């Protein structure tokens, strides 16, 4: 008997589906597709195209899965890069040469903040590329 089968009391085998209990956020598949699509573009077109795609993903998730928000804040790095910060501690960076990098939102940047009595917002982000992983076409 395989792990996907169970034996009921009458001895007959019946197939059951295994479930891991892991929930994949609804924006993850379209994000992967967007990354693959952008890697096929010329480097000069990547930042603009990716910005458009993450906006579309956020709108789609909000319309179809309002209980599971998917967010992406867009910033400019101090080196002219485009930084796309997700809501779960990960970022994607498109450097000035058009290369894509996977980053951790806090550890992989030197960050300064603008703090007021009511808010705390990012003032500057300096990417630390040596700590990041570069996305390459498959």
N, C-alpha and C. Protein backbone atom coordinates (compact mmCIF):
# COMPACT_ATOMS: atom_id res chain seq x y z
N UNK A 1 0.86 -1.19 0.00
CA UNK A 1 0.00 0.00 0.00
C UNK A 1 0.90 1.24 0.00
N UNK A 2 0.58 2.25 -0.81
CA UNK A 2 1.35 3.48 -0.87
C UNK A 2 0.83 4.45 0.17
N UNK A 3 1.60 5.53 0.37
CA UNK A 3 1.17 6.54 1.35
C UNK A 3 -0.07 7.29 0.88
N UNK A 4 -0.42 7.17 -0.41
CA UNK A 4 -1.60 7.86 -0.92
C UNK A 4 -2.83 6.96 -0.88
N UNK A 5 -2.69 5.77 -0.26
CA UNK A 5 -3.81 4.86 -0.16
C UNK A 5 -4.05 4.52 1.30
N UNK A 6 -5.27 4.16 1.61
CA UNK A 6 -5.59 3.70 2.96
C UNK A 6 -6.44 2.45 2.85
N UNK A 7 -6.36 1.60 3.82
CA UNK A 7 -7.15 0.37 3.81
C UNK A 7 -8.31 0.52 4.79
N UNK A 8 -9.54 0.55 4.28
CA UNK A 8 -10.68 0.62 5.16
C UNK A 8 -10.91 -0.72 5.85
N UNK A 9 -11.82 -0.75 6.77
CA UNK A 9 -12.10 -1.94 7.57
C UNK A 9 -12.46 -3.16 6.72
N UNK A 10 -13.05 -2.95 5.55
CA UNK A 10 -13.46 -4.09 4.72
C UNK A 10 -12.30 -4.66 3.90
N UNK A 11 -11.10 -4.12 4.05
CA UNK A 11 -9.91 -4.63 3.39
C UNK A 11 -9.68 -4.09 1.99
N UNK A 12 -10.63 -3.40 1.38
CA UNK A 12 -10.45 -2.83 0.04
C UNK A 12 -9.57 -1.60 0.11
N UNK A 13 -8.70 -1.44 -0.88
CA UNK A 13 -7.85 -0.25 -0.90
C UNK A 13 -8.59 0.90 -1.55
N UNK A 14 -8.49 2.07 -0.96
CA UNK A 14 -9.08 3.28 -1.54
C UNK A 14 -8.00 4.34 -1.60
N UNK A 15 -7.99 5.09 -2.66
CA UNK A 15 -7.01 6.14 -2.85
C UNK A 15 -7.48 7.41 -2.14
N UNK A 16 -6.56 8.09 -1.48
CA UNK A 16 -6.85 9.38 -0.85
C UNK A 16 -5.81 10.37 -1.31
N UNK A 17 -6.17 11.63 -1.33
CA UNK A 17 -5.22 12.67 -1.70
C UNK A 17 -4.44 13.12 -0.48
N UNK A 18 -3.15 13.24 -0.63
CA UNK A 18 -2.32 13.79 0.44
C UNK A 18 -2.37 15.30 0.38
N UNK A 19 -2.42 15.92 1.51
CA UNK A 19 -2.38 17.37 1.58
C UNK A 19 -1.30 17.77 2.56
N UNK A 20 -0.46 18.71 2.14
CA UNK A 20 0.67 19.11 2.98
C UNK A 20 0.28 20.13 4.03
N UNK A 21 -0.82 20.82 3.82
CA UNK A 21 -1.20 21.88 4.75
C UNK A 21 -0.49 23.19 4.46
N UNK A 22 0.34 23.22 3.43
CA UNK A 22 1.05 24.45 3.06
C UNK A 22 0.17 25.25 2.12
N UNK A 23 -0.03 26.49 2.46
CA UNK A 23 -0.85 27.38 1.64
C UNK A 23 0.07 28.30 0.84
N UNK A 24 -0.07 28.27 -0.46
CA UNK A 24 0.76 29.12 -1.32
C UNK A 24 -0.03 30.39 -1.62
N UNK A 25 0.54 31.55 -1.33
CA UNK A 25 -0.17 32.80 -1.59
C UNK A 25 -0.57 32.91 -3.05
N UNK A 26 -1.75 33.47 -3.33
CA UNK A 26 -2.26 33.51 -4.70
C UNK A 26 -1.39 34.33 -5.67
N UNK A 27 -0.56 35.22 -5.19
CA UNK A 27 0.28 36.02 -6.08
C UNK A 27 1.59 35.36 -6.44
N UNK A 28 1.93 34.23 -5.82
CA UNK A 28 3.24 33.64 -6.05
C UNK A 28 3.43 33.09 -7.46
N UNK A 29 2.45 32.39 -8.00
CA UNK A 29 2.60 31.85 -9.35
C UNK A 29 2.72 32.98 -10.38
N UNK A 30 1.81 34.00 -10.35
CA UNK A 30 1.98 35.07 -11.33
C UNK A 30 3.29 35.83 -11.14
N UNK A 31 3.79 35.91 -9.91
CA UNK A 31 5.08 36.58 -9.68
C UNK A 31 6.19 35.80 -10.37
N UNK A 32 6.20 34.49 -10.22
CA UNK A 32 7.20 33.67 -10.90
C UNK A 32 7.13 33.82 -12.41
N UNK A 33 5.90 33.87 -12.93
CA UNK A 33 5.72 34.07 -14.36
C UNK A 33 6.24 35.44 -14.80
N UNK A 34 6.01 36.45 -13.97
CA UNK A 34 6.48 37.80 -14.30
C UNK A 34 8.00 37.86 -14.31
N UNK A 35 8.64 37.20 -13.36
CA UNK A 35 10.10 37.18 -13.32
C UNK A 35 10.64 36.50 -14.58
N UNK A 36 10.08 35.35 -14.93
CA UNK A 36 10.54 34.65 -16.14
C UNK A 36 10.33 35.50 -17.39
N UNK A 37 9.19 36.18 -17.47
CA UNK A 37 8.90 37.03 -18.62
C UNK A 37 9.89 38.19 -18.72
N UNK A 38 10.16 38.82 -17.60
CA UNK A 38 11.05 39.97 -17.58
C UNK A 38 12.48 39.57 -17.95
N UNK A 39 12.90 38.39 -17.54
CA UNK A 39 14.24 37.93 -17.88
C UNK A 39 14.42 37.71 -19.38
N UNK A 40 13.33 37.54 -20.11
CA UNK A 40 13.42 37.37 -21.57
C UNK A 40 13.48 38.71 -22.30
N UNK A 41 13.24 39.80 -21.59
CA UNK A 41 13.26 41.13 -22.21
C UNK A 41 14.67 41.70 -22.25
N UNK A 42 14.91 42.67 -23.13
CA UNK A 42 16.18 43.39 -23.08
C UNK A 42 16.30 44.09 -21.73
N UNK A 43 17.49 44.16 -21.16
CA UNK A 43 17.67 44.76 -19.83
C UNK A 43 17.06 46.15 -19.67
N UNK A 44 17.11 46.98 -20.70
CA UNK A 44 16.58 48.34 -20.58
C UNK A 44 15.07 48.38 -20.39
N UNK A 45 14.35 47.31 -20.73
CA UNK A 45 12.89 47.28 -20.61
C UNK A 45 12.39 46.60 -19.34
N UNK A 46 13.28 46.01 -18.57
CA UNK A 46 12.87 45.16 -17.47
C UNK A 46 12.18 45.89 -16.32
N UNK A 47 12.70 47.00 -15.87
CA UNK A 47 12.13 47.68 -14.70
C UNK A 47 10.71 48.16 -14.97
N UNK A 48 10.50 48.80 -16.10
CA UNK A 48 9.17 49.31 -16.43
C UNK A 48 8.16 48.16 -16.58
N UNK A 49 8.57 47.10 -17.26
CA UNK A 49 7.68 45.97 -17.47
C UNK A 49 7.35 45.29 -16.14
N UNK A 50 8.36 45.10 -15.30
CA UNK A 50 8.11 44.44 -14.02
C UNK A 50 7.22 45.28 -13.12
N UNK A 51 7.41 46.58 -13.13
CA UNK A 51 6.54 47.47 -12.33
C UNK A 51 5.09 47.33 -12.77
N UNK A 52 4.87 47.27 -14.06
CA UNK A 52 3.51 47.09 -14.58
C UNK A 52 2.94 45.74 -14.14
N UNK A 53 3.73 44.69 -14.25
CA UNK A 53 3.27 43.35 -13.89
C UNK A 53 2.93 43.24 -12.41
N UNK A 54 3.77 43.79 -11.52
CA UNK A 54 3.43 43.66 -10.09
C UNK A 54 2.18 44.45 -9.75
N UNK A 55 1.95 45.56 -10.44
CA UNK A 55 0.70 46.29 -10.25
C UNK A 55 -0.50 45.46 -10.66
N UNK A 56 -0.38 44.75 -11.78
CA UNK A 56 -1.45 43.87 -12.25
C UNK A 56 -1.69 42.72 -11.27
N UNK A 57 -0.61 42.14 -10.74
CA UNK A 57 -0.75 41.04 -9.79
C UNK A 57 -1.46 41.52 -8.53
N UNK A 58 -1.04 42.65 -7.99
CA UNK A 58 -1.68 43.18 -6.78
C UNK A 58 -3.16 43.44 -7.00
N UNK A 59 -3.52 43.99 -8.15
CA UNK A 59 -4.93 44.26 -8.45
C UNK A 59 -5.71 42.96 -8.60
N UNK A 60 -5.14 41.96 -9.26
CA UNK A 60 -5.81 40.68 -9.45
C UNK A 60 -6.04 39.99 -8.10
N UNK A 61 -5.01 39.96 -7.27
CA UNK A 61 -5.16 39.31 -5.96
C UNK A 61 -6.21 40.05 -5.12
N UNK A 62 -6.19 41.37 -5.13
CA UNK A 62 -7.17 42.14 -4.36
C UNK A 62 -8.59 41.85 -4.83
N UNK A 63 -8.78 41.67 -6.14
CA UNK A 63 -10.11 41.41 -6.68
C UNK A 63 -10.58 39.98 -6.43
N UNK A 64 -9.66 39.03 -6.46
CA UNK A 64 -10.04 37.62 -6.37
C UNK A 64 -9.79 36.97 -5.01
N UNK A 65 -8.91 37.56 -4.22
CA UNK A 65 -8.57 37.00 -2.91
C UNK A 65 -8.44 38.13 -1.89
N UNK A 66 -9.51 38.87 -1.64
CA UNK A 66 -9.40 40.05 -0.76
C UNK A 66 -8.97 39.71 0.67
N UNK A 67 -9.15 38.47 1.07
CA UNK A 67 -8.73 38.06 2.41
C UNK A 67 -7.25 37.70 2.48
N UNK A 68 -6.56 37.69 1.33
CA UNK A 68 -5.14 37.33 1.30
C UNK A 68 -4.37 38.37 0.50
N UNK A 69 -4.13 39.54 1.07
CA UNK A 69 -3.50 40.62 0.31
C UNK A 69 -2.10 40.26 -0.18
N UNK A 70 -1.77 40.82 -1.32
CA UNK A 70 -0.44 40.68 -1.92
C UNK A 70 0.01 42.09 -2.25
N UNK A 71 1.12 42.49 -1.69
CA UNK A 71 1.56 43.87 -1.88
C UNK A 71 2.98 43.92 -2.43
N UNK A 72 3.26 45.04 -3.06
CA UNK A 72 4.61 45.29 -3.57
C UNK A 72 4.81 46.80 -3.62
N UNK A 73 5.71 47.29 -2.78
CA UNK A 73 6.04 48.72 -2.78
C UNK A 73 7.26 48.92 -3.68
N UNK A 74 7.23 49.95 -4.49
CA UNK A 74 8.31 50.22 -5.43
C UNK A 74 9.11 51.42 -4.94
N UNK A 75 10.44 51.26 -4.92
CA UNK A 75 11.36 52.33 -4.47
C UNK A 75 12.48 52.47 -5.49
N UNK A 76 13.19 53.56 -5.44
CA UNK A 76 14.42 53.73 -6.22
C UNK A 76 15.60 53.61 -5.27
N UNK A 77 16.56 52.79 -5.65
CA UNK A 77 17.78 52.66 -4.87
C UNK A 77 18.68 53.86 -5.07
N UNK A 78 19.61 54.06 -4.16
CA UNK A 78 20.52 55.19 -4.26
C UNK A 78 21.42 55.10 -5.49
N UNK A 79 21.54 53.89 -6.07
CA UNK A 79 22.36 53.69 -7.26
C UNK A 79 21.54 53.75 -8.54
N UNK A 80 20.26 54.12 -8.45
CA UNK A 80 19.39 54.18 -9.61
C UNK A 80 18.64 52.89 -9.87
N UNK A 81 18.82 51.90 -9.01
CA UNK A 81 18.10 50.63 -9.17
C UNK A 81 16.62 50.80 -8.86
N UNK A 82 15.84 49.80 -9.25
CA UNK A 82 14.41 49.74 -8.94
C UNK A 82 14.25 48.63 -7.91
N UNK A 83 13.67 48.94 -6.78
CA UNK A 83 13.52 47.99 -5.69
C UNK A 83 12.03 47.71 -5.51
N UNK A 84 11.67 46.44 -5.59
CA UNK A 84 10.29 45.99 -5.43
C UNK A 84 10.23 45.20 -4.13
N UNK A 85 9.63 45.82 -3.10
CA UNK A 85 9.59 45.20 -1.77
C UNK A 85 8.24 44.54 -1.53
N UNK A 86 8.27 43.24 -1.28
CA UNK A 86 7.05 42.50 -0.99
C UNK A 86 6.70 42.59 0.48
N UNK A 87 5.54 42.06 0.80
CA UNK A 87 5.04 42.14 2.17
C UNK A 87 5.54 41.04 3.09
N UNK A 88 6.38 40.13 2.61
CA UNK A 88 6.83 39.02 3.44
C UNK A 88 8.34 38.99 3.65
N UNK A 89 8.99 40.14 3.54
CA UNK A 89 10.41 40.21 3.82
C UNK A 89 11.33 39.96 2.65
N UNK A 90 10.78 39.83 1.44
CA UNK A 90 11.61 39.62 0.26
C UNK A 90 11.46 40.80 -0.69
N UNK A 91 12.53 41.05 -1.42
CA UNK A 91 12.53 42.12 -2.42
C UNK A 91 13.14 41.59 -3.70
N UNK A 92 12.80 42.25 -4.78
CA UNK A 92 13.44 42.01 -6.06
C UNK A 92 14.04 43.34 -6.49
N UNK A 93 15.28 43.30 -6.95
CA UNK A 93 15.98 44.51 -7.36
C UNK A 93 16.35 44.38 -8.83
N UNK A 94 16.07 45.41 -9.58
CA UNK A 94 16.58 45.49 -10.95
C UNK A 94 17.62 46.59 -10.94
N UNK A 95 18.88 46.18 -11.11
CA UNK A 95 19.98 47.14 -10.99
C UNK A 95 20.03 48.04 -12.22
N UNK A 96 20.87 49.07 -12.20
CA UNK A 96 20.92 50.01 -13.33
C UNK A 96 21.27 49.36 -14.67
N UNK A 97 21.91 48.18 -14.64
CA UNK A 97 22.25 47.47 -15.87
C UNK A 97 21.15 46.51 -16.31
N UNK A 98 20.07 46.41 -15.53
CA UNK A 98 18.94 45.56 -15.90
C UNK A 98 18.99 44.15 -15.35
N UNK A 99 19.98 43.83 -14.52
CA UNK A 99 20.04 42.50 -13.91
C UNK A 99 19.04 42.41 -12.77
N UNK A 100 18.46 41.22 -12.56
CA UNK A 100 17.49 40.99 -11.49
C UNK A 100 18.16 40.28 -10.33
N UNK A 101 17.81 40.74 -9.12
CA UNK A 101 18.40 40.19 -7.90
C UNK A 101 17.30 39.88 -6.89
N UNK A 102 17.44 38.76 -6.20
CA UNK A 102 16.55 38.41 -5.09
C UNK A 102 17.24 38.89 -3.82
N UNK A 103 16.47 39.62 -3.01
CA UNK A 103 17.05 40.21 -1.80
C UNK A 103 16.13 40.01 -0.61
N UNK A 104 16.72 40.07 0.56
CA UNK A 104 15.94 40.13 1.79
C UNK A 104 15.71 41.61 2.06
N UNK A 105 14.49 41.96 2.41
CA UNK A 105 14.11 43.37 2.49
C UNK A 105 14.89 44.18 3.53
N UNK A 106 15.39 43.55 4.55
CA UNK A 106 16.09 44.31 5.58
C UNK A 106 17.58 44.07 5.54
N UNK A 107 18.02 42.83 5.45
CA UNK A 107 19.44 42.50 5.54
C UNK A 107 20.26 42.92 4.34
N UNK A 108 19.65 42.99 3.17
CA UNK A 108 20.40 43.21 1.94
C UNK A 108 20.40 44.66 1.45
N UNK A 109 20.08 45.58 2.34
CA UNK A 109 20.08 47.00 2.01
C UNK A 109 20.62 47.80 3.18
N UNK A 110 21.33 48.88 2.86
CA UNK A 110 21.56 49.92 3.86
C UNK A 110 20.36 50.84 3.73
N UNK A 111 19.62 51.02 4.80
CA UNK A 111 18.35 51.75 4.74
C UNK A 111 18.37 52.91 5.71
N UNK A 112 17.89 54.05 5.24
CA UNK A 112 17.66 55.17 6.14
C UNK A 112 16.16 55.44 6.15
N UNK A 113 15.71 56.03 7.25
CA UNK A 113 14.28 56.26 7.43
C UNK A 113 14.00 57.73 7.71
N UNK A 114 12.83 58.15 7.32
CA UNK A 114 12.32 59.48 7.66
C UNK A 114 11.28 59.26 8.76
N UNK A 115 11.57 59.79 9.93
CA UNK A 115 10.69 59.56 11.08
C UNK A 115 10.05 60.87 11.50
N UNK A 116 8.74 60.84 11.59
CA UNK A 116 7.97 61.98 12.08
C UNK A 116 7.16 61.50 13.28
N UNK A 117 6.48 62.38 13.99
CA UNK A 117 5.66 61.91 15.12
C UNK A 117 4.55 60.93 14.68
N UNK A 118 4.15 60.97 13.42
CA UNK A 118 3.07 60.08 12.96
C UNK A 118 3.53 58.93 12.06
N UNK A 119 4.69 59.04 11.44
CA UNK A 119 5.08 58.03 10.44
C UNK A 119 6.55 57.65 10.55
N UNK A 120 6.86 56.54 9.95
CA UNK A 120 8.24 56.10 9.74
C UNK A 120 8.26 55.51 8.33
N UNK A 121 8.95 56.19 7.41
CA UNK A 121 8.99 55.74 6.03
C UNK A 121 10.44 55.59 5.57
N UNK A 122 10.63 54.83 4.54
CA UNK A 122 11.96 54.64 3.97
C UNK A 122 12.38 55.92 3.26
N UNK A 123 13.56 56.41 3.61
CA UNK A 123 14.12 57.58 2.93
C UNK A 123 15.05 57.14 1.80
N UNK A 124 15.96 56.19 2.10
CA UNK A 124 16.88 55.69 1.07
C UNK A 124 17.12 54.20 1.23
N UNK A 125 17.37 53.55 0.10
CA UNK A 125 17.75 52.14 0.07
C UNK A 125 19.01 52.01 -0.77
N UNK A 126 20.06 51.46 -0.19
CA UNK A 126 21.29 51.19 -0.91
C UNK A 126 21.45 49.68 -1.00
N UNK A 127 21.28 49.11 -2.20
CA UNK A 127 21.39 47.65 -2.35
C UNK A 127 22.79 47.15 -2.04
N UNK A 128 22.87 46.00 -1.38
CA UNK A 128 24.12 45.32 -1.09
C UNK A 128 24.16 44.06 -1.95
N UNK A 129 24.54 44.22 -3.21
CA UNK A 129 24.44 43.14 -4.20
C UNK A 129 25.26 41.91 -3.82
N UNK A 130 26.37 42.08 -3.14
CA UNK A 130 27.22 40.94 -2.78
C UNK A 130 26.49 39.95 -1.88
N UNK A 131 25.44 40.40 -1.23
CA UNK A 131 24.67 39.52 -0.33
C UNK A 131 23.44 38.92 -1.03
N UNK A 132 23.13 39.38 -2.23
CA UNK A 132 21.93 38.95 -2.94
C UNK A 132 22.22 37.79 -3.88
N UNK A 133 21.15 37.21 -4.40
CA UNK A 133 21.27 36.17 -5.44
C UNK A 133 20.71 36.72 -6.73
N UNK A 134 21.46 36.57 -7.81
CA UNK A 134 21.01 37.06 -9.10
C UNK A 134 20.09 36.04 -9.76
N UNK A 135 18.98 36.55 -10.32
CA UNK A 135 18.09 35.70 -11.13
C UNK A 135 18.69 35.61 -12.52
N UNK A 136 18.73 34.41 -13.06
CA UNK A 136 19.23 34.20 -14.41
C UNK A 136 18.17 33.44 -15.22
N UNK A 137 18.10 33.67 -16.53
CA UNK A 137 17.12 32.92 -17.33
C UNK A 137 17.41 31.43 -17.24
N UNK A 138 16.34 30.63 -17.31
CA UNK A 138 16.52 29.16 -17.28
C UNK A 138 16.78 28.63 -18.65
